[in-house]
All heavy atoms as atom14 arrays in JSON, in Angstrom:
{
  "sequence": "EFVATISWKGGRKYYADSVKGRFTISRDNAKNTVYLQMNSLKPADTAV",
  "atom14_mask": [
    [1, 1, 1, 1, 1, 1, 1, 1, 1, 0, 0, 0, 0, 0],
    [1, 1, 1, 1, 1, 1, 1, 1, 1, 1, 1, 0, 0, 0],
    [1, 1, 1, 1, 1, 1, 1, 0, 0, 0, 0, 0, 0, 0],
    [1, 1, 1, 1, 1, 0, 0, 0, 0, 0, 0, 0, 0, 0],
    [1, 1, 1, 1, 1, 1, 1, 0, 0, 0, 0, 0, 0, 0],
    [1, 1, 1, 1, 1, 1, 1, 1, 0, 0, 0, 0, 0, 0],
    [1, 1, 1, 1, 1, 1, 0, 0, 0, 0, 0, 0, 0, 0],
    [1, 1, 1, 1, 1, 1, 1, 1, 1, 1, 1, 1, 1, 1],
    [1, 1, 1, 1, 1, 1, 1, 1, 1, 0, 0, 0, 0, 0],
    [1, 1, 1, 1, 0, 0, 0, 0, 0, 0, 0, 0, 0, 0],
    [1, 1, 1, 1, 0, 0, 0, 0, 0, 0, 0, 0, 0, 0],
    [1, 1, 1, 1, 1, 1, 1, 1, 1, 1, 1, 0, 0, 0],
    [1, 1, 1, 1, 1, 1, 1, 1, 1, 0, 0, 0, 0, 0],
    [1, 1, 1, 1, 1, 1, 1, 1, 1, 1, 1, 1, 0, 0],
    [1, 1, 1, 1, 1, 1, 1, 1, 1, 1, 1, 1, 0, 0],
    [1, 1, 1, 1, 1, 0, 0, 0, 0, 0, 0, 0, 0, 0],
    [1, 1, 1, 1, 1, 1, 1, 1, 0, 0, 0, 0, 0, 0],
    [1, 1, 1, 1, 1, 1, 0, 0, 0, 0, 0, 0, 0, 0],
    [1, 1, 1, 1, 1, 1, 1, 0, 0, 0, 0, 0, 0, 0],
    [1, 1, 1, 1, 1, 1, 1, 1, 1, 0, 0, 0, 0, 0],
    [1, 1, 1, 1, 0, 0, 0, 0, 0, 0, 0, 0, 0, 0],
    [1, 1, 1, 1, 1, 1, 1, 1, 1, 1, 1, 0, 0, 0],
    [1, 1, 1, 1, 1, 1, 1, 1, 1, 1, 1, 0, 0, 0],
    [1, 1, 1, 1, 1, 1, 1, 0, 0, 0, 0, 0, 0, 0],
    [1, 1, 1, 1, 1, 1, 1, 1, 0, 0, 0, 0, 0, 0],
    [1, 1, 1, 1, 1, 1, 0, 0, 0, 0, 0, 0, 0, 0],
    [1, 1, 1, 1, 1, 1, 1, 1, 1, 1, 1, 0, 0, 0],
    [1, 1, 1, 1, 1, 1, 1, 1, 0, 0, 0, 0, 0, 0],
    [1, 1, 1, 1, 1, 1, 1, 1, 0, 0, 0, 0, 0, 0],
    [1, 1, 1, 1, 1, 0, 0, 0, 0, 0, 0, 0, 0, 0],
    [1, 1, 1, 1, 1, 1, 1, 1, 1, 0, 0, 0, 0, 0],
    [1, 1, 1, 1, 1, 1, 1, 1, 0, 0, 0, 0, 0, 0],
    [1, 1, 1, 1, 1, 1, 1, 0, 0, 0, 0, 0, 0, 0],
    [1, 1, 1, 1, 1, 1, 1, 0, 0, 0, 0, 0, 0, 0],
    [1, 1, 1, 1, 1, 1, 1, 1, 1, 1, 1, 1, 0, 0],
    [1, 1, 1, 1, 1, 1, 1, 1, 0, 0, 0, 0, 0, 0],
    [1, 1, 1, 1, 1, 1, 1, 1, 1, 0, 0, 0, 0, 0],
    [1, 1, 1, 1, 1, 1, 1, 1, 0, 0, 0, 0, 0, 0],
    [1, 1, 1, 1, 1, 1, 1, 1, 0, 0, 0, 0, 0, 0],
    [1, 1, 1, 1, 1, 1, 0, 0, 0, 0, 0, 0, 0, 0],
    [1, 1, 1, 1, 1, 1, 1, 1, 0, 0, 0, 0, 0, 0],
    [1, 1, 1, 1, 1, 1, 1, 1, 1, 0, 0, 0, 0, 0],
    [1, 1, 1, 1, 1, 1, 1, 0, 0, 0, 0, 0, 0, 0],
    [1, 1, 1, 1, 1, 0, 0, 0, 0, 0, 0, 0, 0, 0],
    [1, 1, 1, 1, 1, 1, 1, 1, 0, 0, 0, 0, 0, 0],
    [1, 1, 1, 1, 1, 1, 1, 0, 0, 0, 0, 0, 0, 0],
    [1, 1, 1, 1, 1, 0, 0, 0, 0, 0, 0, 0, 0, 0],
    [1, 1, 1, 1, 1, 1, 1, 0, 0, 0, 0, 0, 0, 0]
  ],
  "atom14_positions": [
    [[110.16, 81.93, 105.33], [109.87, 80.74, 104.56], [108.37, 80.62, 104.29], [107.54, 80.86, 105.16], [110.38, 79.51, 105.34], [110.0, 78.16, 104.78], [110.33, 77.05, 105.74], [110.27, 77.27, 106.98], [110.69, 75.95, 105.28], [0.0, 0.0, 0.0], [0.0, 0.0, 0.0], [0.0, 0.0, 0.0], [0.0, 0.0, 0.0], [0.0, 0.0, 0.0]],
    [[108.02, 80.2, 103.07], [106.63, 79.97, 102.71], [106.08, 78.78, 103.47], [106.75, 77.76, 103.63], [106.52, 79.73, 101.2], [105.18, 79.18, 100.78], [104.07, 80.0, 100.72], [105.05, 77.85, 100.44], [102.84, 79.51, 100.34], [103.83, 77.34, 100.04], [102.73, 78.17, 100.0], [0.0, 0.0, 0.0], [0.0, 0.0, 0.0], [0.0, 0.0, 0.0]],
    [[104.82, 78.89, 103.93], [104.16, 77.81, 104.64], [102.93, 77.32, 103.87], [102.81, 76.15, 103.53], [103.74, 78.23, 106.06], [102.96, 77.11, 106.74], [104.97, 78.61, 106.88], [0.0, 0.0, 0.0], [0.0, 0.0, 0.0], [0.0, 0.0, 0.0], [0.0, 0.0, 0.0], [0.0, 0.0, 0.0], [0.0, 0.0, 0.0], [0.0, 0.0, 0.0]],
    [[101.99, 78.23, 103.58], [100.75, 77.85, 102.91], [100.1, 79.08, 102.32], [100.32, 80.2, 102.79], [99.79, 77.15, 103.89], [0.0, 0.0, 0.0], [0.0, 0.0, 0.0], [0.0, 0.0, 0.0], [0.0, 0.0, 0.0], [0.0, 0.0, 0.0], [0.0, 0.0, 0.0], [0.0, 0.0, 0.0], [0.0, 0.0, 0.0], [0.0, 0.0, 0.0]],
    [[99.26, 78.88, 101.31], [98.52, 79.98, 100.69], [97.17, 79.47, 100.22], [96.99, 78.28, 99.96], [99.3, 80.6, 99.52], [98.61, 81.76, 99.04], [99.45, 79.62, 98.37], [0.0, 0.0, 0.0], [0.0, 0.0, 0.0], [0.0, 0.0, 0.0], [0.0, 0.0, 0.0], [0.0, 0.0, 0.0], [0.0, 0.0, 0.0], [0.0, 0.0, 0.0]],
    [[96.22, 80.4, 100.09], [94.89, 80.08, 99.61], [94.4, 81.25, 98.77], [94.5, 82.4, 99.17], [93.93, 79.75, 100.77], [92.56, 79.33, 100.23], [93.79, 80.94, 101.72], [91.65, 78.74, 101.3], [0.0, 0.0, 0.0], [0.0, 0.0, 0.0], [0.0, 0.0, 0.0], [0.0, 0.0, 0.0], [0.0, 0.0, 0.0], [0.0, 0.0, 0.0]],
    [[93.86, 80.95, 97.58], [93.27, 82.0, 96.76], [91.91, 82.38, 97.35], [91.18, 81.52, 97.85], [93.13, 81.55, 95.31], [92.25, 80.44, 95.19], [0.0, 0.0, 0.0], [0.0, 0.0, 0.0], [0.0, 0.0, 0.0], [0.0, 0.0, 0.0], [0.0, 0.0, 0.0], [0.0, 0.0, 0.0], [0.0, 0.0, 0.0], [0.0, 0.0, 0.0]],
    [[91.57, 83.67, 97.28], [90.42, 84.14, 98.02], [89.09, 83.75, 97.39], [88.12, 83.48, 98.1], [90.49, 85.66, 98.19], [89.78, 86.1, 99.42], [88.71, 86.93, 99.5], [90.08, 85.7, 100.76], [88.32, 87.08, 100.79], [89.14, 86.34, 101.6], [91.05, 84.88, 101.33], [89.14, 86.18, 102.98], [91.04, 84.69, 102.7], [90.1, 85.35, 103.5]],
    [[89.02, 83.71, 96.09], [87.78, 83.37, 95.42], [87.65, 81.87, 95.16], [86.61, 81.28, 95.46], [87.65, 84.14, 94.1], [87.49, 85.64, 94.27], [87.29, 86.33, 92.93], [87.07, 87.81, 93.1], [86.87, 88.5, 91.8], [0.0, 0.0, 0.0], [0.0, 0.0, 0.0], [0.0, 0.0, 0.0], [0.0, 0.0, 0.0], [0.0, 0.0, 0.0]],
    [[88.67, 81.27, 94.62], [88.6, 79.85, 94.27], [88.93, 78.91, 95.41], [88.56, 77.73, 95.36], [0.0, 0.0, 0.0], [0.0, 0.0, 0.0], [0.0, 0.0, 0.0], [0.0, 0.0, 0.0], [0.0, 0.0, 0.0], [0.0, 0.0, 0.0], [0.0, 0.0, 0.0], [0.0, 0.0, 0.0], [0.0, 0.0, 0.0], [0.0, 0.0, 0.0]],
    [[89.63, 79.39, 96.42], [90.0, 78.55, 97.55], [91.07, 77.52, 97.23], [91.16, 76.51, 97.94], [0.0, 0.0, 0.0], [0.0, 0.0, 0.0], [0.0, 0.0, 0.0], [0.0, 0.0, 0.0], [0.0, 0.0, 0.0], [0.0, 0.0, 0.0], [0.0, 0.0, 0.0], [0.0, 0.0, 0.0], [0.0, 0.0, 0.0], [0.0, 0.0, 0.0]],
    [[91.86, 77.75, 96.21], [92.94, 76.83, 95.88], [94.04, 76.93, 96.91], [94.46, 78.03, 97.29], [93.47, 77.12, 94.47], [92.42, 76.92, 93.38], [92.99, 77.23, 92.0], [93.36, 78.62, 91.88], [92.53, 79.6, 91.56], [91.25, 79.33, 91.32], [92.96, 80.85, 91.47], [0.0, 0.0, 0.0], [0.0, 0.0, 0.0], [0.0, 0.0, 0.0]],
    [[94.55, 75.78, 97.35], [95.51, 75.73, 98.44], [96.84, 75.14, 97.97], [96.87, 74.22, 97.15], [94.97, 74.88, 99.59], [93.64, 75.35, 100.14], [93.11, 74.37, 101.16], [91.76, 74.8, 101.69], [91.23, 73.83, 102.67], [0.0, 0.0, 0.0], [0.0, 0.0, 0.0], [0.0, 0.0, 0.0], [0.0, 0.0, 0.0], [0.0, 0.0, 0.0]],
    [[97.91, 75.66, 98.52], [99.25, 75.15, 98.27], [100.02, 75.16, 99.57], [99.91, 76.1, 100.36], [99.97, 75.98, 97.21], [99.25, 76.02, 95.89], [98.36, 77.04, 95.6], [99.44, 75.02, 94.94], [97.68, 77.07, 94.4], [98.76, 75.05, 93.73], [97.88, 76.08, 93.47], [97.21, 76.1, 92.27], [0.0, 0.0, 0.0], [0.0, 0.0, 0.0]],
    [[100.82, 74.1, 99.79], [101.56, 73.95, 101.03], [103.04, 73.69, 100.76], [103.41, 73.08, 99.76], [101.02, 72.77, 101.84], [99.59, 72.92, 102.28], [98.55, 72.39, 101.52], [99.28, 73.56, 103.47], [97.24, 72.51, 101.93], [97.97, 73.68, 103.89], [96.95, 73.16, 103.11], [95.64, 73.27, 103.53], [0.0, 0.0, 0.0], [0.0, 0.0, 0.0]],
    [[103.86, 74.15, 101.69], [105.26, 73.75, 101.67], [105.37, 72.27, 101.99], [104.57, 71.73, 102.77], [106.06, 74.57, 102.68], [0.0, 0.0, 0.0], [0.0, 0.0, 0.0], [0.0, 0.0, 0.0], [0.0, 0.0, 0.0], [0.0, 0.0, 0.0], [0.0, 0.0, 0.0], [0.0, 0.0, 0.0], [0.0, 0.0, 0.0], [0.0, 0.0, 0.0]],
    [[106.34, 71.6, 101.4], [106.51, 70.17, 101.64], [106.72, 69.85, 103.11], [106.29, 68.79, 103.59], [107.69, 69.63, 100.83], [107.4, 69.58, 99.34], [106.21, 69.6, 98.95], [108.36, 69.52, 98.55], [0.0, 0.0, 0.0], [0.0, 0.0, 0.0], [0.0, 0.0, 0.0], [0.0, 0.0, 0.0], [0.0, 0.0, 0.0], [0.0, 0.0, 0.0]],
    [[107.33, 70.75, 103.84], [107.65, 70.5, 105.23], [106.42, 70.44, 106.14], [106.49, 69.89, 107.24], [108.62, 71.57, 105.75], [108.06, 72.86, 105.63], [0.0, 0.0, 0.0], [0.0, 0.0, 0.0], [0.0, 0.0, 0.0], [0.0, 0.0, 0.0], [0.0, 0.0, 0.0], [0.0, 0.0, 0.0], [0.0, 0.0, 0.0], [0.0, 0.0, 0.0]],
    [[105.29, 70.99, 105.68], [104.09, 71.02, 106.51], [102.93, 70.26, 105.89], [101.88, 70.1, 106.53], [103.64, 72.47, 106.81], [104.79, 73.26, 107.41], [103.13, 73.15, 105.55], [0.0, 0.0, 0.0], [0.0, 0.0, 0.0], [0.0, 0.0, 0.0], [0.0, 0.0, 0.0], [0.0, 0.0, 0.0], [0.0, 0.0, 0.0], [0.0, 0.0, 0.0]],
    [[103.1, 69.78, 104.68], [102.01, 69.08, 103.98], [101.58, 67.84, 104.76], [102.41, 67.05, 105.2], [102.47, 68.69, 102.57], [101.36, 68.3, 101.63], [101.9, 68.12, 100.21], [102.5, 69.4, 99.68], [103.01, 69.25, 98.29], [0.0, 0.0, 0.0], [0.0, 0.0, 0.0], [0.0, 0.0, 0.0], [0.0, 0.0, 0.0], [0.0, 0.0, 0.0]],
    [[100.28, 67.7, 104.95], [99.74, 66.6, 105.72], [99.57, 66.9, 107.19], [98.88, 66.16, 107.9], [0.0, 0.0, 0.0], [0.0, 0.0, 0.0], [0.0, 0.0, 0.0], [0.0, 0.0, 0.0], [0.0, 0.0, 0.0], [0.0, 0.0, 0.0], [0.0, 0.0, 0.0], [0.0, 0.0, 0.0], [0.0, 0.0, 0.0], [0.0, 0.0, 0.0]],
    [[100.18, 67.97, 107.67], [100.06, 68.36, 109.07], [99.32, 69.69, 109.25], [98.58, 69.85, 110.22], [101.45, 68.48, 109.72], [102.24, 67.18, 109.73], [103.53, 67.32, 110.53], [104.42, 68.34, 109.97], [104.82, 69.43, 110.62], [104.43, 69.65, 111.87], [105.65, 70.28, 110.03], [0.0, 0.0, 0.0], [0.0, 0.0, 0.0], [0.0, 0.0, 0.0]],
    [[99.52, 70.62, 108.33], [98.9, 71.94, 108.42], [97.76, 72.04, 107.42], [97.81, 71.45, 106.33], [99.91, 73.05, 108.12], [100.98, 73.25, 109.16], [101.16, 72.33, 110.19], [101.81, 74.36, 109.1], [102.15, 72.51, 111.15], [102.8, 74.55, 110.05], [102.97, 73.63, 111.07], [0.0, 0.0, 0.0], [0.0, 0.0, 0.0], [0.0, 0.0, 0.0]],
    [[96.74, 72.83, 107.77], [95.61, 73.08, 106.88], [95.28, 74.56, 106.88], [95.06, 75.15, 107.94], [94.37, 72.28, 107.29], [94.67, 70.89, 107.31], [93.23, 72.53, 106.31], [0.0, 0.0, 0.0], [0.0, 0.0, 0.0], [0.0, 0.0, 0.0], [0.0, 0.0, 0.0], [0.0, 0.0, 0.0], [0.0, 0.0, 0.0], [0.0, 0.0, 0.0]],
    [[95.25, 75.17, 105.7], [94.86, 76.56, 105.57], [93.4, 76.62, 105.14], [92.95, 75.8, 104.34], [95.77, 77.33, 104.59], [95.5, 78.83, 104.65], [95.63, 76.8, 103.17], [96.52, 79.68, 103.88], [0.0, 0.0, 0.0], [0.0, 0.0, 0.0], [0.0, 0.0, 0.0], [0.0, 0.0, 0.0], [0.0, 0.0, 0.0], [0.0, 0.0, 0.0]],
    [[92.66, 77.58, 105.67], [91.26, 77.75, 105.31], [90.9, 79.22, 105.39], [91.68, 80.04, 105.9], [90.35, 76.91, 106.22], [90.49, 77.31, 107.57], [0.0, 0.0, 0.0], [0.0, 0.0, 0.0], [0.0, 0.0, 0.0], [0.0, 0.0, 0.0], [0.0, 0.0, 0.0], [0.0, 0.0, 0.0], [0.0, 0.0, 0.0], [0.0, 0.0, 0.0]],
    [[89.72, 79.56, 104.89], [89.3, 80.95, 104.88], [87.82, 81.07, 105.2], [87.04, 80.14, 105.0], [89.58, 81.58, 103.51], [88.58, 81.15, 102.42], [89.11, 81.41, 101.04], [88.07, 81.39, 100.01], [87.52, 80.31, 99.51], [87.88, 79.1, 99.97], [86.61, 80.39, 98.55], [0.0, 0.0, 0.0], [0.0, 0.0, 0.0], [0.0, 0.0, 0.0]],
    [[87.43, 82.24, 105.7], [86.05, 82.62, 105.9], [85.88, 83.96, 105.19], [86.25, 85.0, 105.73], [85.71, 82.73, 107.38], [84.23, 82.98, 107.63], [83.57, 83.6, 106.78], [83.73, 82.56, 108.69], [0.0, 0.0, 0.0], [0.0, 0.0, 0.0], [0.0, 0.0, 0.0], [0.0, 0.0, 0.0], [0.0, 0.0, 0.0], [0.0, 0.0, 0.0]],
    [[85.35, 83.93, 103.98], [85.27, 85.14, 103.17], [84.4, 86.21, 103.82], [84.7, 87.4, 103.73], [84.73, 84.81, 101.78], [85.64, 83.89, 101.0], [85.96, 82.78, 101.45], [86.05, 84.32, 99.82], [0.0, 0.0, 0.0], [0.0, 0.0, 0.0], [0.0, 0.0, 0.0], [0.0, 0.0, 0.0], [0.0, 0.0, 0.0], [0.0, 0.0, 0.0]],
    [[83.3, 85.79, 104.47], [82.41, 86.75, 105.1], [83.1, 87.51, 106.23], [82.8, 88.68, 106.47], [81.16, 86.05, 105.62], [0.0, 0.0, 0.0], [0.0, 0.0, 0.0], [0.0, 0.0, 0.0], [0.0, 0.0, 0.0], [0.0, 0.0, 0.0], [0.0, 0.0, 0.0], [0.0, 0.0, 0.0], [0.0, 0.0, 0.0], [0.0, 0.0, 0.0]],
    [[84.01, 86.85, 106.93], [84.73, 87.47, 108.03], [86.08, 88.02, 107.62], [86.79, 88.58, 108.46], [84.92, 86.47, 109.17], [83.63, 86.01, 109.82], [83.91, 85.05, 110.97], [82.64, 84.62, 111.66], [82.91, 83.68, 112.77], [0.0, 0.0, 0.0], [0.0, 0.0, 0.0], [0.0, 0.0, 0.0], [0.0, 0.0, 0.0], [0.0, 0.0, 0.0]],
    [[86.45, 87.85, 106.35], [87.75, 88.29, 105.86], [88.88, 87.74, 106.74], [89.8, 88.47, 107.12], [87.82, 89.82, 105.79], [86.88, 90.39, 104.75], [86.78, 89.88, 103.63], [86.18, 91.46, 105.11], [0.0, 0.0, 0.0], [0.0, 0.0, 0.0], [0.0, 0.0, 0.0], [0.0, 0.0, 0.0], [0.0, 0.0, 0.0], [0.0, 0.0, 0.0]],
    [[88.79, 86.47, 107.03], [89.72, 85.83, 107.95], [90.3, 84.56, 107.33], [89.58, 83.8, 106.68], [89.03, 85.5, 109.28], [88.53, 86.71, 109.87], [89.99, 84.84, 110.25], [0.0, 0.0, 0.0], [0.0, 0.0, 0.0], [0.0, 0.0, 0.0], [0.0, 0.0, 0.0], [0.0, 0.0, 0.0], [0.0, 0.0, 0.0], [0.0, 0.0, 0.0]],
    [[91.58, 84.35, 107.55], [92.25, 83.14, 107.13], [92.78, 82.43, 108.38], [93.17, 83.08, 109.35], [93.39, 83.44, 106.13], [94.5, 84.25, 106.77], [93.94, 82.14, 105.54], [0.0, 0.0, 0.0], [0.0, 0.0, 0.0], [0.0, 0.0, 0.0], [0.0, 0.0, 0.0], [0.0, 0.0, 0.0], [0.0, 0.0, 0.0], [0.0, 0.0, 0.0]],
    [[92.77, 81.1, 108.34], [93.19, 80.29, 109.47], [94.31, 79.34, 109.05], [94.41, 78.96, 107.88], [92.03, 79.46, 110.02], [90.81, 80.27, 110.37], [89.78, 80.45, 109.44], [90.68, 80.86, 111.62], [88.66, 81.2, 109.75], [89.56, 81.61, 111.94], [88.55, 81.77, 111.01], [87.44, 82.51, 111.33], [0.0, 0.0, 0.0], [0.0, 0.0, 0.0]],
    [[95.12, 78.96, 110.02], [96.12, 77.94, 109.81], [96.03, 76.95, 110.96], [96.42, 77.27, 112.09], [97.53, 78.53, 109.73], [98.64, 77.53, 109.39], [98.48, 77.02, 107.95], [100.01, 78.15, 109.58], [0.0, 0.0, 0.0], [0.0, 0.0, 0.0], [0.0, 0.0, 0.0], [0.0, 0.0, 0.0], [0.0, 0.0, 0.0], [0.0, 0.0, 0.0]],
    [[95.47, 75.77, 110.68], [95.4, 74.7, 111.66], [96.68, 73.9, 111.59], [97.01, 73.34, 110.55], [94.2, 73.8, 111.39], [94.08, 72.61, 112.33], [93.78, 73.03, 113.75], [92.96, 73.91, 113.98], [94.46, 72.41, 114.71], [0.0, 0.0, 0.0], [0.0, 0.0, 0.0], [0.0, 0.0, 0.0], [0.0, 0.0, 0.0], [0.0, 0.0, 0.0]],
    [[97.41, 73.84, 112.69], [98.7, 73.18, 112.75], [98.6, 71.98, 113.68], [98.39, 72.14, 114.89], [99.79, 74.14, 113.22], [99.89, 75.41, 112.37], [101.25, 76.5, 112.89], [100.65, 76.98, 114.51], [0.0, 0.0, 0.0], [0.0, 0.0, 0.0], [0.0, 0.0, 0.0], [0.0, 0.0, 0.0], [0.0, 0.0, 0.0], [0.0, 0.0, 0.0]],
    [[98.73, 70.79, 113.13], [98.68, 69.55, 113.89], [100.05, 68.88, 113.9], [100.91, 69.17, 113.07], [97.64, 68.59, 113.31], [96.24, 69.14, 113.36], [95.87, 69.88, 114.27], [95.41, 68.75, 112.39], [0.0, 0.0, 0.0], [0.0, 0.0, 0.0], [0.0, 0.0, 0.0], [0.0, 0.0, 0.0], [0.0, 0.0, 0.0], [0.0, 0.0, 0.0]],
    [[100.23, 67.96, 114.84], [101.48, 67.2, 114.95], [102.69, 68.12, 114.92], [103.66, 67.89, 114.19], [101.56, 66.16, 113.84], [100.47, 65.26, 113.89], [0.0, 0.0, 0.0], [0.0, 0.0, 0.0], [0.0, 0.0, 0.0], [0.0, 0.0, 0.0], [0.0, 0.0, 0.0], [0.0, 0.0, 0.0], [0.0, 0.0, 0.0], [0.0, 0.0, 0.0]],
    [[102.65, 69.15, 115.71], [103.72, 70.15, 115.71], [105.05, 69.55, 116.15], [105.09, 68.68, 117.02], [103.34, 71.32, 116.59], [102.34, 72.3, 115.97], [101.71, 73.18, 117.03], [103.03, 73.14, 114.9], [0.0, 0.0, 0.0], [0.0, 0.0, 0.0], [0.0, 0.0, 0.0], [0.0, 0.0, 0.0], [0.0, 0.0, 0.0], [0.0, 0.0, 0.0]],
    [[106.11, 70.04, 115.53], [107.47, 69.6, 115.81], [108.29, 70.79, 116.29], [107.97, 71.94, 115.99], [108.12, 69.02, 114.55], [107.33, 67.93, 113.86], [107.98, 67.54, 112.55], [107.2, 66.47, 111.84], [107.82, 66.1, 110.54], [0.0, 0.0, 0.0], [0.0, 0.0, 0.0], [0.0, 0.0, 0.0], [0.0, 0.0, 0.0], [0.0, 0.0, 0.0]],
    [[109.37, 70.53, 117.02], [110.25, 71.64, 117.41], [110.74, 72.46, 116.21], [110.95, 73.67, 116.34], [111.41, 70.94, 118.12], [110.79, 69.72, 118.7], [109.78, 69.27, 117.68], [0.0, 0.0, 0.0], [0.0, 0.0, 0.0], [0.0, 0.0, 0.0], [0.0, 0.0, 0.0], [0.0, 0.0, 0.0], [0.0, 0.0, 0.0], [0.0, 0.0, 0.0]],
    [[110.91, 71.82, 115.05], [111.34, 72.53, 113.85], [110.31, 73.53, 113.35], [110.64, 74.38, 112.52], [111.67, 71.53, 112.74], [0.0, 0.0, 0.0], [0.0, 0.0, 0.0], [0.0, 0.0, 0.0], [0.0, 0.0, 0.0], [0.0, 0.0, 0.0], [0.0, 0.0, 0.0], [0.0, 0.0, 0.0], [0.0, 0.0, 0.0], [0.0, 0.0, 0.0]],
    [[109.07, 73.45, 113.83], [108.05, 74.41, 113.46], [108.15, 75.71, 114.25], [107.41, 76.66, 113.97], [106.65, 73.81, 113.65], [106.4, 72.62, 112.76], [106.78, 72.68, 111.57], [105.82, 71.63, 113.24], [0.0, 0.0, 0.0], [0.0, 0.0, 0.0], [0.0, 0.0, 0.0], [0.0, 0.0, 0.0], [0.0, 0.0, 0.0], [0.0, 0.0, 0.0]],
    [[109.01, 75.76, 115.23], [109.18, 76.95, 116.05], [109.62, 78.13, 115.18], [110.63, 78.06, 114.49], [110.19, 76.71, 117.17], [109.69, 75.72, 118.06], [110.45, 77.99, 117.95], [0.0, 0.0, 0.0], [0.0, 0.0, 0.0], [0.0, 0.0, 0.0], [0.0, 0.0, 0.0], [0.0, 0.0, 0.0], [0.0, 0.0, 0.0], [0.0, 0.0, 0.0]],
    [[108.84, 79.21, 115.21], [109.12, 80.37, 114.38], [108.11, 81.46, 114.68], [107.11, 81.23, 115.37], [109.06, 80.01, 112.89], [0.0, 0.0, 0.0], [0.0, 0.0, 0.0], [0.0, 0.0, 0.0], [0.0, 0.0, 0.0], [0.0, 0.0, 0.0], [0.0, 0.0, 0.0], [0.0, 0.0, 0.0], [0.0, 0.0, 0.0], [0.0, 0.0, 0.0]],
    [[108.37, 82.64, 114.16], [107.37, 83.68, 114.11], [106.57, 83.48, 112.83], [107.14, 83.43, 111.74], [107.99, 85.09, 114.14], [106.91, 86.16, 114.0], [108.77, 85.3, 115.43], [0.0, 0.0, 0.0], [0.0, 0.0, 0.0], [0.0, 0.0, 0.0], [0.0, 0.0, 0.0], [0.0, 0.0, 0.0], [0.0, 0.0, 0.0], [0.0, 0.0, 0.0]]
  ]
}
């Protein structure tokens, strides 16, 4: 299932409705790293 995405140059973000307002995707271009901050976690978020 899709959760979140971010464009690498423009930083445009899109979220699944199920996580909107709770999860935040971000990037560090210099480190070539993407992050997913997950707040207010629910049992339904359990997944790989």
